Protein backbone atom coordinates (compact mmCIF):
# COMPACT_ATOMS: atom_id res chain seq x y z
CA MET A 1 109.45 70.79 47.24
CA GLY A 2 107.96 70.45 43.76
CA ILE A 3 111.19 69.72 41.82
CA ILE A 4 111.81 66.64 44.11
CA ARG A 5 108.51 65.41 44.06
CA SER A 6 108.33 65.69 40.47
CA SER A 7 111.92 63.98 39.36
CA PHE A 8 111.21 61.37 42.35
CA SER A 9 109.95 58.83 39.72
CA PHE A 10 112.41 59.68 37.20
CA ILE A 11 115.57 59.25 39.80
CA VAL A 12 113.86 55.83 40.90
CA GLY A 13 113.49 54.06 37.67
CA THR A 14 117.08 55.39 36.54
CA VAL A 15 118.76 53.78 39.61
CA SER A 16 116.72 50.67 39.18
CA GLY A 17 117.23 50.66 35.31
CA ILE A 18 121.35 50.74 36.60
CA TYR A 19 120.47 48.06 39.07
CA ILE A 20 118.77 45.56 36.84
CA ALA A 21 121.70 46.11 33.92
CA GLN A 22 124.34 45.28 36.17
CA ASN A 23 122.86 42.13 38.16
CA TYR A 24 120.80 40.30 35.46
CA LYS A 25 121.69 39.56 32.08
CA VAL A 26 119.38 42.04 29.62
CA PRO A 27 119.18 41.84 25.89
CA ASN A 28 120.97 44.54 23.88
CA ILE A 29 117.65 46.36 22.51
CA LYS A 30 119.81 48.07 19.81
CA LYS A 31 121.00 44.70 17.92
CA LEU A 32 117.75 43.07 18.37
CA ALA A 33 115.76 46.14 16.56
CA ASN A 34 118.72 45.75 13.76
CA ASP A 35 118.23 42.32 13.45
CA ALA A 36 114.52 42.63 12.82
CA ILE A 37 114.91 45.42 10.53
CA ILE A 38 117.63 43.10 8.38
CA MET A 39 115.24 40.20 8.60
CA ALA A 40 112.04 42.49 7.54
CA LYS A 41 114.23 43.61 4.49
CA ARG A 42 115.24 40.34 3.78
CA THR A 43 111.79 38.88 3.77
CA GLU A 44 110.58 41.92 1.64
CA GLU A 45 113.12 41.37 -1.18
CA THR A 46 112.36 37.72 -0.99
CA TYR A 47 108.45 37.98 -1.70
CA ARG A 48 108.49 41.34 -3.51
CA LYS A 49 106.42 41.17 -6.74
CA PRO A 50 108.68 41.51 -9.92
CA LYS A 51 108.95 44.83 -11.39
CA LYS A 52 107.04 45.62 -14.89
CA ARG A 53 109.32 46.17 -17.70
CA ASP A 54 107.84 49.17 -20.32
CA ASN A 55 110.08 48.00 -23.31
CA GLU A 56 109.33 44.41 -23.42
CA ASP A 57 109.49 43.39 -27.13
């Protein structure tokens, strides 16, 4: 009885997640995360301070 009770919320969450993914337009989280990382890298490169040169004569 303990294994059924402890895994009930996991099973309900899995079933409802499958239902939502099949019946609603859910964004692709992996693609959104990759796009955010690319935008952050581009912003960092744009606003980064210039590197100091040691041998500037």
